Amino acid sequence: MQVYLNLVKNVLENGLRKENRTGIDTISYFGAHYKIDLQNGYPLLTTKKVYIKSVIRELLWYLSGVTHIRDLRKHTKIWDAWTSEEKNWEVGRMYGYQWVNWEKYNLNPQTGEYRREFINQIQEVINLIKNNPDSRRMVVTAWNPSVLDEVALPSCHSFFIFNVMGNKLNCHLTQRSGDIALGIPFNVACYAALTQMIATETGLQPGEFSHYINDAHIYVNHIDGLKEQLQRSPKTLPQLEIQKKPFWDIQFEDFQLLNYNPHPPIKFGVAV
């Protein structure tokens, strides 16, 4: 995707070197934004190979709402760096838990006791799209200040909004922090797949993916790999086919990636 290469080029040329908690400096740029037309294909990076199986496994893990990676790591180790066997592979109430199990406490006026209930934000969005497609309140947040001290990693992709224009479903993602080499290709592919899933469920077509990154950064040990990608020409985007079935019944086997012919992989180290 040329838009991704433009992002890389912009950060390298206009970013500032900063220190951070990982001990590996970044070249950081404030306020990057771009859009991708999902009608042009599934936005899986072609200037290096991105492992679609890990993307889809991660997305389904989010939608499960679980707070551990014990099942996820049977298929991909992308979250291993943020927890351990000693911690029983727990990551806390982050991302997917907040998506589908946002906690709400209701007071029983008769007993004076509070009862914990849960909000499935994804289902609420689906309901709005079906019943009130002109709504401007199709919002999902993964940023919950009350759990920041207990989670493995405060949510980087923290807030996303859906929008219906005609027969198309658009998605905007606000990201507090974005690792351009490793995280952003996964984030784009994840939210494009989620948008396609919800569009199918609601009888719409995927529209645009809009992406704002507050701190768009490149770790200094990723610069050479990204410069290599800048020398590569983007290829035609693949297509993602998803079996048409009820949203919450979709499983890994229901996804099929077609015509993906990327450049070779480039290995980037994870900064934890």
Protein backbone atom coordinates (compact mmCIF):
# COMPACT_ATOMS: atom_id res chain seq x y z
CA MET A 1 0.00 0.00 0.00
CA GLN A 2 1.46 3.31 -1.06
CA VAL A 3 -0.32 5.03 1.82
CA TYR A 4 1.75 2.95 4.26
CA LEU A 5 4.99 3.84 2.51
CA ASN A 6 3.96 7.51 2.63
CA LEU A 7 3.47 7.16 6.39
CA VAL A 8 6.93 5.62 6.80
CA LYS A 9 8.54 8.34 4.69
CA ASN A 10 6.74 11.12 6.58
CA VAL A 11 7.86 9.86 10.00
CA LEU A 12 11.45 9.31 8.91
CA GLU A 13 11.66 12.78 7.34
CA ASN A 14 9.67 14.82 9.86
CA GLY A 15 9.81 12.90 13.15
CA LEU A 16 11.95 13.66 16.18
CA ARG A 17 14.10 11.20 18.11
CA LYS A 18 12.64 10.44 21.55
CA GLU A 19 13.38 8.18 24.49
CA ASN A 20 10.69 5.86 25.85
CA ARG A 21 10.00 3.14 28.42
CA THR A 22 11.47 0.33 26.26
CA GLY A 23 15.02 1.70 26.25
CA ILE A 24 15.07 1.75 22.44
CA ASP A 25 14.69 5.27 21.03
CA THR A 26 12.05 6.08 18.44
CA ILE A 27 11.64 8.53 15.60
CA SER A 28 8.23 9.92 16.52
CA TYR A 29 5.71 12.01 14.65
CA PHE A 30 2.60 13.61 16.13
CA GLY A 31 -0.80 13.24 14.51
CA ALA A 32 -0.52 11.01 11.44
CA HIS A 33 -3.75 10.39 9.53
CA TYR A 34 -4.68 8.59 6.32
CA LYS A 35 -7.60 6.77 4.69
CA ILE A 36 -7.84 3.49 2.81
CA ASP A 37 -10.66 2.59 0.40
CA LEU A 38 -11.59 -0.98 1.31
CA GLN A 39 -13.23 -1.40 -2.08
CA ASN A 40 -9.73 -1.56 -3.58
CA GLY A 41 -8.90 -4.82 -1.83
CA TYR A 42 -8.02 -6.14 1.59
CA PRO A 43 -5.28 -3.85 3.00
CA LEU A 44 -2.69 -6.45 3.93
CA LEU A 45 0.79 -5.04 3.44
CA THR A 46 2.54 -6.26 0.29
CA THR A 47 5.97 -4.63 0.70
CA LYS A 48 6.68 -7.35 3.24
CA LYS A 49 4.79 -10.50 4.14
CA VAL A 50 2.27 -10.15 6.97
CA TYR A 51 1.03 -13.38 8.50
CA ILE A 52 -2.72 -13.32 8.02
CA LYS A 53 -3.28 -16.30 10.29
CA SER A 54 -1.91 -14.34 13.24
CA VAL A 55 -4.03 -11.30 12.32
CA ILE A 56 -7.26 -13.30 12.26
CA ARG A 57 -6.39 -15.30 15.38
CA GLU A 58 -5.74 -12.05 17.23
CA LEU A 59 -9.03 -10.52 16.03
CA LEU A 60 -11.03 -13.56 17.15
CA TRP A 61 -9.18 -13.45 20.48
CA TYR A 62 -10.32 -9.86 20.94
CA LEU A 63 -13.90 -10.80 20.13
CA SER A 64 -13.81 -13.68 22.64
CA GLY A 65 -13.25 -11.17 25.46
CA VAL A 66 -10.90 -13.44 27.39
CA THR A 67 -8.18 -11.96 29.59
CA HIS A 68 -5.47 -14.52 28.87
CA ILE A 69 -3.54 -15.83 25.86
CA ARG A 70 -3.48 -19.51 26.80
CA ASP A 71 -5.58 -20.44 23.76
CA LEU A 72 -4.21 -17.76 21.44
CA ARG A 73 -0.61 -18.83 21.88
CA LYS A 74 -1.41 -22.30 20.56
CA HIS A 75 -1.60 -20.57 17.17
CA THR A 76 0.58 -17.46 17.44
CA LYS A 77 3.13 -16.14 19.92
CA ILE A 78 2.64 -12.45 19.10
CA TRP A 79 1.52 -11.65 22.66
CA ASP A 80 4.04 -13.79 24.53
CA ALA A 81 6.38 -10.86 25.18
CA TRP A 82 3.82 -9.15 27.43
CA THR A 83 3.09 -11.97 29.85
CA SER A 84 4.51 -15.34 30.91
CA GLU A 85 3.75 -18.83 32.13
CA GLU A 86 4.47 -17.61 35.68
CA LYS A 87 1.58 -15.16 35.25
CA ASN A 88 -0.61 -17.95 33.85
CA TRP A 89 -0.45 -16.07 30.51
CA GLU A 90 -2.85 -13.43 31.82
CA VAL A 91 -2.87 -9.95 30.25
CA GLY A 92 -5.74 -8.41 32.21
CA ARG A 93 -8.97 -6.66 31.24
CA MET A 94 -7.73 -5.03 28.07
CA TYR A 95 -8.79 -4.80 24.40
CA GLY A 96 -11.34 -7.55 23.76
CA TYR A 97 -12.56 -7.69 27.34
CA GLN A 98 -13.48 -4.02 27.11
CA TRP A 99 -15.00 -4.52 23.65
CA VAL A 100 -17.49 -7.16 24.76
CA ASN A 101 -17.50 -7.12 28.59
CA TRP A 102 -17.40 -3.45 29.60
CA GLU A 103 -18.39 -3.51 33.25
CA LYS A 104 -21.40 -1.57 34.46
CA TYR A 105 -22.66 -1.42 38.03
CA ASN A 106 -26.36 -0.87 38.69
CA LEU A 107 -27.73 0.05 42.09
CA ASN A 108 -30.65 -1.95 43.42
CA PRO A 109 -32.65 0.72 45.30
CA GLN A 110 -34.39 -1.90 47.40
CA THR A 111 -31.28 -3.63 48.73
CA GLY A 112 -28.75 -0.82 48.33
CA GLU A 113 -26.42 -3.29 46.63
CA TYR A 114 -24.71 -2.91 43.29
CA ARG A 115 -25.03 -5.58 40.63
CA ARG A 116 -22.32 -5.98 38.02
CA GLU A 117 -23.54 -6.19 34.43
CA PHE A 118 -21.72 -6.15 31.12
CA ILE A 119 -22.01 -4.15 27.90
CA ASN A 120 -21.08 -5.81 24.61
CA GLN A 121 -19.98 -2.71 22.71
CA ILE A 122 -19.57 -4.62 19.43
CA GLN A 123 -23.13 -5.93 19.56
CA GLU A 124 -24.39 -2.46 20.48
CA VAL A 125 -22.73 -1.11 17.33
CA ILE A 126 -24.25 -3.87 15.20
CA ASN A 127 -27.67 -3.08 16.64
CA LEU A 128 -27.28 0.62 15.84
CA ILE A 129 -26.16 -0.07 12.28
CA LYS A 130 -29.19 -2.29 11.70
CA ASN A 131 -31.76 -0.09 13.44
CA ASN A 132 -30.41 3.46 13.22
CA PRO A 133 -27.73 3.61 10.52
CA ASP A 134 -27.59 7.41 10.63
CA SER A 135 -26.47 7.34 14.26
CA ARG A 136 -23.25 9.13 15.14
CA ARG A 137 -22.80 7.05 18.30
CA MET A 138 -21.38 3.82 16.90
CA VAL A 139 -18.40 3.95 19.23
CA VAL A 140 -16.25 1.23 20.82
CA THR A 141 -13.61 2.11 23.40
CA ALA A 142 -10.87 -0.11 24.76
CA TRP A 143 -9.42 2.62 26.98
CA ASN A 144 -10.62 2.08 30.54
CA PRO A 145 -8.67 4.21 33.06
CA SER A 146 -9.75 2.02 35.97
CA VAL A 147 -7.71 -0.98 34.73
CA LEU A 148 -4.51 0.68 33.48
CA ASP A 149 -2.54 -0.46 36.52
CA GLU A 150 -3.41 -4.12 36.01
CA VAL A 151 -3.14 -4.74 32.26
CA ALA A 152 -0.07 -6.01 30.43
CA LEU A 153 -0.19 -3.09 27.99
CA PRO A 154 -2.57 -0.11 27.98
CA SER A 155 -4.53 -0.31 24.74
CA CYS A 156 -2.64 1.24 21.83
CA HIS A 157 -5.58 1.14 19.41
CA SER A 158 -7.92 2.59 21.93
CA PHE A 159 -11.04 3.97 20.29
CA PHE A 160 -12.94 3.23 17.08
CA ILE A 161 -16.11 4.52 15.44
CA PHE A 162 -18.31 3.18 12.66
CA ASN A 163 -20.21 5.31 10.18
CA VAL A 164 -22.71 4.43 7.47
CA MET A 165 -22.70 6.36 4.20
CA GLY A 166 -25.23 5.04 1.70
CA ASN A 167 -24.65 1.30 1.45
CA LYS A 168 -21.10 1.44 2.81
CA LEU A 169 -19.75 0.93 6.32
CA ASN A 170 -16.78 3.09 7.27
CA CYS A 171 -14.50 2.64 10.27
CA HIS A 172 -12.30 5.22 11.96
CA LEU A 173 -9.59 4.11 14.41
CA THR A 174 -7.93 6.46 16.86
CA GLN A 175 -4.65 5.06 18.09
CA ARG A 176 -2.75 6.61 21.01
CA SER A 177 0.53 4.98 19.95
CA GLY A 178 1.58 3.16 16.81
CA ASP A 179 4.66 1.01 16.13
CA ILE A 180 4.84 1.54 12.38
CA ALA A 181 7.04 -1.43 11.51
CA LEU A 182 5.31 -4.13 13.56
CA GLY A 183 2.00 -2.95 14.96
CA ILE A 184 0.41 -0.78 12.28
CA PRO A 185 0.27 -3.45 9.52
CA PHE A 186 -1.51 -5.77 11.98
CA ASN A 187 -3.85 -3.01 13.19
CA VAL A 188 -4.93 -2.05 9.68
CA ALA A 189 -5.55 -5.66 8.66
CA CYS A 190 -7.41 -6.40 11.92
CA TYR A 191 -9.84 -3.48 11.69
CA ALA A 192 -10.39 -3.99 7.96
CA ALA A 193 -11.41 -7.59 8.66
CA LEU A 194 -13.65 -6.51 11.54
CA THR A 195 -15.29 -3.88 9.33
CA GLN A 196 -15.91 -6.49 6.65
CA MET A 197 -17.42 -8.88 9.21
CA ILE A 198 -19.80 -6.22 10.53
CA ALA A 199 -20.65 -5.00 7.02
CA THR A 200 -21.66 -8.52 6.03
CA GLU A 201 -23.73 -8.92 9.19
CA THR A 202 -25.58 -5.66 8.52
CA GLY A 203 -26.06 -6.01 4.75
CA LEU A 204 -23.56 -3.30 3.80
CA GLN A 205 -20.35 -3.05 1.78
CA PRO A 206 -16.99 -2.14 3.34
CA GLY A 207 -16.30 1.54 2.74
CA GLU A 208 -13.28 3.46 4.03
CA PHE A 209 -10.86 2.80 6.85
CA SER A 210 -9.70 6.04 8.45
CA HIS A 211 -6.72 5.87 10.79
CA TYR A 212 -5.37 8.51 13.17
CA ILE A 213 -2.16 7.77 15.10
CA ASN A 214 -1.34 10.18 17.92
CA ASP A 215 2.29 9.08 18.40
CA ALA A 216 3.35 7.44 15.16
CA HIS A 217 6.81 6.07 15.75
CA ILE A 218 9.63 4.03 14.29
CA TYR A 219 12.05 2.29 16.62
CA VAL A 220 15.60 3.09 15.59
CA ASN A 221 16.41 -0.61 15.15
CA HIS A 222 13.57 -0.81 12.60
CA ILE A 223 14.80 1.97 10.34
CA ASP A 224 16.84 -0.20 7.97
CA GLY A 225 13.98 -2.66 7.43
CA LEU A 226 11.55 0.14 6.68
CA LYS A 227 13.98 1.80 4.30
CA GLU A 228 14.19 -1.52 2.49
CA GLN A 229 10.42 -1.47 2.11
CA LEU A 230 10.59 2.03 0.66
CA GLN A 231 12.65 0.54 -2.18
CA ARG A 232 9.94 -2.03 -2.92
CA SER A 233 6.93 -1.39 -5.13
CA PRO A 234 3.51 -2.20 -3.62
CA LYS A 235 1.70 -5.06 -5.30
CA THR A 236 -2.00 -5.57 -6.02
CA LEU A 237 -3.94 -6.01 -2.80
CA PRO A 238 -5.42 -9.44 -2.03
CA GLN A 239 -9.05 -10.22 -1.28
CA LEU A 240 -10.42 -11.51 2.00
CA GLU A 241 -13.41 -13.82 1.80
CA ILE A 242 -15.46 -14.47 4.94
CA GLN A 243 -18.09 -17.17 5.09
CA LYS A 244 -21.52 -15.59 5.40
CA LYS A 245 -22.93 -16.66 8.74
CA PRO A 246 -24.10 -14.95 11.96
CA PHE A 247 -21.41 -12.60 13.27
CA TRP A 248 -20.76 -14.38 16.57
CA ASP A 249 -20.60 -17.79 14.85
CA ILE A 250 -17.67 -16.86 12.59
CA GLN A 251 -14.57 -18.97 13.24
CA PHE A 252 -11.01 -19.00 11.96
CA GLU A 253 -11.84 -21.52 9.23
CA ASP A 254 -14.40 -19.10 7.77
CA PHE A 255 -11.70 -16.72 6.51
CA GLN A 256 -9.88 -17.19 3.21
CA LEU A 257 -7.21 -14.91 1.80
CA LEU A 258 -6.98 -14.85 -2.00
CA ASN A 259 -4.26 -13.64 -4.37
CA TYR A 260 -1.73 -12.52 -1.76
CA ASN A 261 1.70 -12.20 -3.37
CA PRO A 262 3.85 -10.04 -1.08
CA HIS A 263 7.55 -9.26 -1.08
CA PRO A 264 9.64 -11.42 1.30
CA PRO A 265 9.32 -11.02 5.08
CA ILE A 266 11.46 -8.53 7.00
CA LYS A 267 12.19 -9.42 10.60
CA PHE A 268 11.75 -6.68 13.21
CA GLY A 269 12.57 -7.04 16.89
CA VAL A 270 9.84 -6.38 19.46
CA ALA A 271 10.39 -3.52 21.90
CA VAL A 272 8.63 -4.36 25.17
